[in-house]
Protein backbone atom coordinates (compact mmCIF):
# COMPACT_ATOMS: atom_id res chain seq x y z
CA MET A 1 19.25 30.25 75.54
CA THR A 2 22.35 32.05 75.82
CA ALA A 3 22.97 34.23 78.97
CA ALA A 4 21.82 37.18 77.01
CA GLU A 5 18.90 35.99 75.54
CA THR A 6 17.80 34.76 79.13
CA THR A 7 18.56 38.19 80.80
CA ARG A 8 16.37 40.13 77.52
CA SER A 9 13.61 37.20 78.65
CA GLY A 10 13.39 38.64 81.68
CA ALA A 11 15.99 37.20 84.18
CA THR A 12 16.46 39.76 87.41
CA ILE A 13 18.38 37.54 89.46
CA GLY A 14 21.81 36.71 89.06
CA VAL A 15 23.96 34.80 91.19
CA VAL A 16 27.32 35.16 91.30
CA GLY A 17 29.78 32.37 92.51
CA ALA A 18 28.81 28.92 90.87
CA GLY A 19 30.04 26.69 94.15
CA ALA A 20 27.85 24.29 95.75
CA TRP A 21 25.96 26.67 97.54
CA GLY A 22 25.61 29.45 94.47
CA THR A 23 24.96 26.61 92.72
CA ALA A 24 22.13 25.52 94.92
CA LEU A 25 20.86 29.01 95.25
CA ALA A 26 20.09 29.15 92.15
CA GLN A 27 18.61 26.00 91.24
CA MET A 28 16.16 26.95 94.41
CA LEU A 29 15.38 30.16 92.93
CA ALA A 30 14.91 28.33 89.58
CA GLY A 31 12.42 25.77 90.81
CA ASP A 32 9.41 27.97 89.67
CA GLY A 33 10.51 28.25 86.42
CA ARG A 34 11.57 31.87 86.31
CA PRO A 35 15.01 32.40 84.58
CA VAL A 36 18.03 33.02 86.69
CA LEU A 37 21.82 33.61 85.81
CA LEU A 38 24.43 31.66 87.45
CA TRP A 39 27.86 33.42 87.02
CA MET A 40 31.17 31.65 87.41
CA ARG A 41 34.91 32.23 86.41
CA GLU A 42 35.69 29.21 84.42
CA ALA A 43 34.03 29.48 80.76
CA GLU A 44 34.43 25.90 80.38
CA LEU A 45 32.40 25.16 83.38
CA ALA A 46 29.65 27.74 82.22
CA ALA A 47 29.25 25.79 78.97
CA SER A 48 29.11 22.04 80.79
CA ILE A 49 26.31 23.42 82.93
CA ASN A 50 24.11 24.54 79.97
CA ALA A 51 24.97 21.56 77.94
CA THR A 52 24.18 18.73 80.88
CA ARG A 53 22.51 20.90 83.48
CA ARG A 54 25.17 19.35 86.07
CA ASN A 55 27.60 21.07 87.93
CA THR A 56 29.98 18.04 87.75
CA LEU A 57 33.06 19.80 90.38
CA TYR A 58 30.69 21.15 93.08
CA LEU A 59 26.91 19.98 93.23
CA PRO A 60 27.33 16.95 90.78
CA ASP A 61 23.99 15.27 92.11
CA ALA A 62 21.65 17.56 91.36
CA GLU A 63 19.95 18.00 88.41
CA LEU A 64 19.87 21.67 86.99
CA SER A 65 16.47 23.53 86.36
CA PRO A 66 16.42 24.02 82.35
CA ALA A 67 15.87 27.88 83.66
CA ILE A 68 19.08 28.57 84.99
CA THR A 69 21.97 30.06 82.03
CA ALA A 70 24.98 29.80 83.13
CA THR A 71 27.68 32.10 82.03
CA SER A 72 31.28 33.76 82.75
CA ARG A 73 30.94 36.83 81.46
CA PHE A 74 30.02 39.75 84.02
CA GLU A 75 28.20 41.32 81.20
CA ASP A 76 25.62 39.25 80.90
CA LEU A 77 24.51 40.55 84.72
CA ARG A 78 24.11 44.20 83.81
CA HIS A 79 20.22 43.98 83.75
CA CYS A 80 19.59 41.83 86.52
CA THR A 81 17.84 43.96 89.48
CA ILE A 82 19.39 41.65 92.11
CA LEU A 83 22.44 39.53 92.76
CA LEU A 84 23.28 37.52 95.20
CA LEU A 85 27.28 37.10 96.08
CA VAL A 86 28.41 33.74 96.64
CA THR A 87 32.09 34.07 96.20
CA PRO A 88 34.39 32.95 98.37
CA ALA A 89 34.56 35.80 101.22
CA GLN A 90 38.44 35.92 100.01
CA HIS A 91 37.69 36.99 96.91
CA LEU A 92 34.74 39.74 97.27
CA ALA A 93 36.94 42.36 97.02
CA THR A 94 38.07 41.79 93.71
CA THR A 95 34.89 40.11 92.14
CA LEU A 96 33.29 43.21 92.83
CA THR A 97 35.75 45.30 91.59
CA ALA A 98 35.65 43.23 88.41
CA MET A 99 32.14 43.27 88.48
CA GLY A 100 31.63 46.86 88.38
CA THR A 101 34.30 47.88 86.43
CA ALA A 102 32.61 45.50 83.50
CA ASN A 103 29.12 46.65 84.12
CA GLY A 104 29.82 50.49 84.80
CA GLY A 105 28.22 49.75 88.58
CA PHE A 106 26.23 48.05 90.58
CA PRO A 107 21.91 46.98 90.92
CA ARG A 108 20.06 48.53 93.74
CA ASP A 109 20.19 45.13 95.74
CA LEU A 110 23.11 43.56 96.49
CA VAL A 111 22.67 40.23 98.64
CA LEU A 112 25.66 38.52 100.41
CA CYS A 113 25.39 34.81 100.96
CA SER A 114 29.04 34.29 101.67
CA LYS A 115 30.48 34.06 105.45
CA GLY A 116 33.42 35.28 106.61
CA ILE A 117 35.77 38.09 107.51
CA GLU A 118 38.50 39.20 104.90
CA ALA A 119 41.93 38.48 106.01
CA GLY A 120 44.33 41.28 106.04
CA THR A 121 41.65 44.01 106.46
CA GLY A 122 39.41 42.28 109.17
CA ARG A 123 36.55 43.90 106.92
CA MET A 124 32.94 42.37 107.43
CA MET A 125 31.62 41.31 104.20
CA HIS A 126 29.19 43.81 104.44
CA GLY A 127 31.98 46.43 104.41
CA VAL A 128 33.79 45.29 101.17
CA ALA A 129 30.19 44.97 99.57
CA HIS A 130 29.37 48.58 100.84
CA ASP A 131 33.25 50.50 100.06
CA ALA A 132 32.77 48.33 96.21
CA ALA A 133 29.11 49.38 95.23
CA PRO A 134 28.11 52.63 98.25
CA GLY A 135 25.14 53.21 96.16
CA SER A 136 24.02 49.90 96.75
CA ASP A 137 21.76 48.25 99.39
CA ILE A 138 23.43 45.57 101.11
CA ALA A 139 21.55 42.72 102.54
CA VAL A 140 23.13 39.54 104.47
CA LEU A 141 21.86 35.94 103.82
CA SER A 142 22.34 33.37 106.04
CA GLY A 143 21.08 30.89 108.29
CA PRO A 144 21.35 26.99 108.64
CA THR A 145 21.91 25.89 104.70
CA PHE A 146 23.81 22.67 103.16
CA ALA A 147 23.83 22.88 99.68
CA HIS A 148 22.91 19.82 98.74
CA GLU A 149 19.33 19.79 100.78
CA VAL A 150 18.29 22.91 99.24
CA ALA A 151 18.99 21.71 95.78
CA ALA A 152 16.82 18.78 96.44
CA GLY A 153 14.05 21.39 97.73
CA LEU A 154 14.09 20.13 101.45
CA PRO A 155 12.80 23.00 103.72
CA THR A 156 15.15 25.59 104.80
CA ALA A 157 14.66 28.87 106.60
CA VAL A 158 17.32 31.28 106.85
CA THR A 159 17.78 35.34 107.85
CA LEU A 160 17.68 37.28 105.74
CA ALA A 161 18.99 41.17 106.81
CA CYS A 162 18.84 43.89 105.14
CA GLY A 163 20.81 47.02 105.40
CA GLY A 164 17.96 49.36 103.59
CA GLY A 165 15.69 47.91 106.21
CA GLN A 166 11.61 47.56 105.29
CA ALA A 167 12.21 48.87 102.18
CA GLN A 168 14.69 46.63 100.81
CA TRP A 169 12.77 43.61 102.40
CA GLN A 170 9.65 44.38 100.76
CA ARG A 171 11.90 44.20 97.40
CA LEU A 172 13.45 41.26 97.81
CA ALA A 173 10.99 38.56 100.29
CA PRO A 174 8.93 38.33 97.34
CA ALA A 175 11.66 37.26 94.91
CA LEU A 176 13.78 35.13 97.14
CA ALA A 177 11.08 33.10 99.05
CA ARG A 178 9.88 30.13 97.84
CA PRO A 179 7.41 27.19 99.22
CA THR A 180 10.20 25.16 100.76
CA PHE A 181 12.73 28.19 101.01
CA ARG A 182 11.45 30.89 104.01
CA PRO A 183 13.33 33.94 104.62
CA TYR A 184 13.23 35.94 107.89
CA TYR A 185 13.38 39.96 108.29
CA SER A 186 16.09 41.38 110.15
CA ASP A 187 17.60 44.91 110.30
CA ASP A 188 20.99 43.29 112.01
CA VAL A 189 23.27 43.25 109.55
CA ILE A 190 26.30 42.66 111.97
CA GLY A 191 24.33 40.28 113.79
CA ALA A 192 24.07 38.28 110.57
CA GLU A 193 27.29 38.17 109.49
CA VAL A 194 28.70 37.48 112.80
CA GLY A 195 26.86 34.83 113.26
CA GLY A 196 28.10 33.13 109.94
CA SER A 197 31.61 34.15 110.46
CA VAL A 198 32.05 32.70 114.15
CA LYS A 199 30.00 29.79 113.84
CA ASN A 200 32.88 28.77 110.83
CA VAL A 201 35.86 28.76 113.04
CA LEU A 202 33.42 27.01 116.08
CA ALA A 203 33.04 24.23 113.41
CA ILE A 204 36.42 23.34 112.94
CA ALA A 205 36.51 23.25 116.73
CA CYS A 206 33.41 20.41 117.04
CA GLY A 207 34.67 18.75 114.38
CA VAL A 208 38.79 18.55 116.34
CA VAL A 209 36.43 16.95 118.87
CA ASP A 210 34.91 14.42 116.97
CA GLY A 211 38.51 13.42 115.50
CA LEU A 212 39.62 13.02 119.01
CA GLY A 213 36.98 10.97 119.91
CA LEU A 214 36.15 12.87 123.00
CA GLY A 215 32.43 12.18 122.98
CA GLN A 216 29.15 14.00 122.22
CA ASN A 217 29.42 15.57 126.25
CA ALA A 218 32.70 17.57 124.81
CA ARG A 219 31.08 18.91 121.35
CA SER A 220 27.61 20.06 123.97
CA ALA A 221 30.30 21.60 125.85
CA LEU A 222 32.02 23.66 123.22
CA ILE A 223 28.86 24.49 121.30
CA ALA A 224 27.39 26.29 124.57
CA ARG A 225 31.08 27.75 125.31
CA GLY A 226 31.34 28.87 121.63
CA TYR A 227 27.70 30.45 121.71
CA ALA A 228 29.03 32.41 124.50
CA GLU A 229 31.94 33.87 122.44
CA MET A 230 30.00 34.56 119.67
CA MET A 231 28.01 36.59 121.78
CA ARG A 232 31.01 38.53 123.18
CA PHE A 233 32.30 39.35 119.88
CA GLY A 234 28.80 40.24 118.31
CA GLU A 235 28.01 42.45 121.33
CA ALA A 236 30.82 43.95 121.15
CA LEU A 237 30.16 45.35 117.17
CA GLY A 238 26.73 46.08 117.85
CA ALA A 239 24.88 43.02 116.81
CA GLN A 240 21.56 42.65 118.65
CA ARG A 241 21.41 38.75 120.91
CA ASP A 242 18.37 38.05 119.64
CA THR A 243 19.68 37.61 116.05
CA LEU A 244 22.67 36.06 117.53
CA ALA A 245 20.17 33.40 119.14
CA GLY A 246 18.39 33.14 115.66
CA LEU A 247 18.49 31.43 112.01
CA CYS A 248 22.14 32.77 111.39
CA GLY A 249 23.56 32.76 114.80
CA LEU A 250 22.83 29.82 116.84
CA GLY A 251 20.33 27.82 114.13
CA ASP A 252 23.56 27.71 112.14
CA MET A 253 26.00 27.04 114.41
CA VAL A 254 24.10 23.62 115.74
CA LEU A 255 24.08 22.57 112.18
CA THR A 256 27.57 23.15 111.09
CA CYS A 257 29.05 21.90 114.54
CA SER A 258 27.01 18.80 114.05
CA SER A 259 27.72 17.02 110.77
CA THR A 260 30.39 16.04 108.43
CA SER A 261 28.11 17.75 105.76
CA SER A 262 29.76 20.56 107.07
CA ARG A 263 33.14 21.81 105.27
CA ASN A 264 34.51 22.89 108.49
CA PHE A 265 33.44 20.01 110.71
CA SER A 266 35.30 17.81 108.06
CA LEU A 267 38.03 20.14 108.11
CA GLY A 268 38.82 19.61 112.03
CA LYS A 269 38.15 16.39 111.89
CA ALA A 270 40.80 15.73 109.99
CA LEU A 271 43.05 17.91 112.33
CA GLY A 272 41.99 15.65 115.47
CA GLU A 273 43.04 12.70 113.75
CA GLY A 274 46.51 14.15 113.03
CA ALA A 275 45.94 15.48 109.47
CA ASP A 276 48.49 18.41 108.35
CA PRO A 277 46.71 21.50 108.15
CA ALA A 278 48.72 23.00 104.94
CA ALA A 279 47.52 19.79 103.05
CA LEU A 280 44.70 19.75 103.91
CA MET A 281 43.78 23.48 103.06
CA ALA A 282 46.22 22.70 99.85
CA ASP A 283 44.39 19.81 98.50
CA ARG A 284 40.19 21.31 98.84
CA ARG A 285 38.87 22.28 96.30
CA THR A 286 35.89 23.96 97.93
CA VAL A 287 37.00 26.45 100.90
CA ALA A 288 36.51 25.70 104.46
CA GLU A 289 36.41 29.57 105.12
CA GLY A 290 36.45 28.97 108.91
CA ALA A 291 40.48 28.16 108.34
CA HIS A 292 40.99 32.00 106.99
CA THR A 293 38.22 33.71 109.41
CA ALA A 294 39.85 31.85 112.86
CA PRO A 295 43.21 34.10 112.83
CA VAL A 296 41.78 37.21 111.64
CA LEU A 297 38.94 36.77 114.09
CA GLU A 298 40.83 36.31 116.65
CA ALA A 299 43.11 39.54 116.04
CA LEU A 300 39.99 41.43 115.94
CA ALA A 301 38.73 39.90 119.72
CA ALA A 302 42.15 40.83 120.67
CA ASP A 303 41.94 44.30 119.91
CA HIS A 304 38.33 44.61 121.03
CA GLY A 305 39.67 43.10 124.23
CA ILE A 306 36.98 40.07 123.85
CA ALA A 307 38.26 36.74 125.25
CA MET A 308 37.76 33.82 122.48
CA PRO A 309 39.80 31.08 123.58
CA ILE A 310 38.79 28.58 121.39
CA VAL A 311 38.72 30.97 118.71
CA SER A 312 42.36 31.02 119.40
CA ALA A 313 42.40 27.25 119.93
CA VAL A 314 41.55 26.81 116.46
CA ALA A 315 44.12 29.76 115.28
CA ARG A 316 46.71 27.56 116.92
CA LEU A 317 45.89 23.81 115.73
CA LEU A 318 45.43 25.80 111.61
CA GLU A 319 48.90 26.63 112.89
CA GLY A 320 50.30 23.30 113.60
CA ALA A 321 49.68 22.68 117.35
CA PRO A 322 48.58 19.12 118.23
CA ALA A 323 45.14 18.45 118.58
CA ARG A 324 45.56 17.00 121.61
CA GLU A 325 47.53 19.29 123.14
CA ILE A 326 45.16 22.05 122.59
CA ALA A 327 42.18 20.40 123.81
CA SER A 328 44.21 19.90 127.34
CA LYS A 329 44.91 23.63 127.44
CA LEU A 330 41.29 24.28 126.80
CA LEU A 331 40.46 21.81 129.63
CA ALA A 332 42.77 23.59 131.84
CA ARG A 333 42.15 27.01 132.09
CA PRO A 334 40.56 28.55 135.24
CA LEU A 335 37.48 27.61 136.91
CA ARG A 336 34.99 30.61 136.50
CA ALA A 337 31.15 31.42 136.44
CA GLU A 338 28.99 30.28 133.77
CA SER A 339 28.14 33.49 131.72
CA PRO A 340 28.38 34.91 127.79
CA THR A 341 30.27 37.50 129.44
CA ALA A 342 33.10 35.12 131.35
């Protein structure tokens, strides 16, 4: 079935971005046989997925549902009523601009599934999406999610923060929930985005701890102190504490700060082992979004007068500072009370 035929046959959900996470979301959504359109830039990859039922570049171990139709044409998404946007954060603005031009607008519901802050502007993803599609309701889907587990149908719970409130939740929850994929409602879009963005940077730091062989005590301390930084930053931007203590904050942080299945953790581990940051970034097909987020997050924190020493340490590491030297400087900071505000 072609993409156009899939749309005519009732596909209401489109997934924009066919990396590991976008492909996994499409696979999860198509698990009950409902048609899903999966958009990617590469026409060759779309043809390969439709022919082989495999995304050999980004999620090669998953046999994809026949209910998924891949396409490289924005026009094929025109009749979808829900779009999940899973392009890398730094490409969201250009993707939305091209999509809006091709389709003459956007559907009512846009669900942001990428985590990060736009370099150069400091915009969160909901700000990028609102500027490009002011007539759409913006939601954020975020939480502790490894793509390969979602694609395999393993139990997963996420935050679905709806800028359109309960009315949007009532539209989205039945469309996105599956037996092993459970969304929880929030109206705190800012909190969901802050949690997803900051935890990527902290996961790099935890990977460095692992790469340096500093032990589990150090990693646990880093998670706790990193969480305090997340809380300070989030509250300054208007996030709710309960959101940051939930799936899209603490839950996501614990997952990505503890496993080499996390791209950001793996990047940090390589840095801790002495790899060159520029060489690592140039050699990666998949994006460790925390590397793009760290410098802009550091700048935003400074603008708000917020102390985020772990985030600053990661920014220095990505500039090429020696990992062991940076760790020593963190340990030498003045002693103080333990508090989310300290």
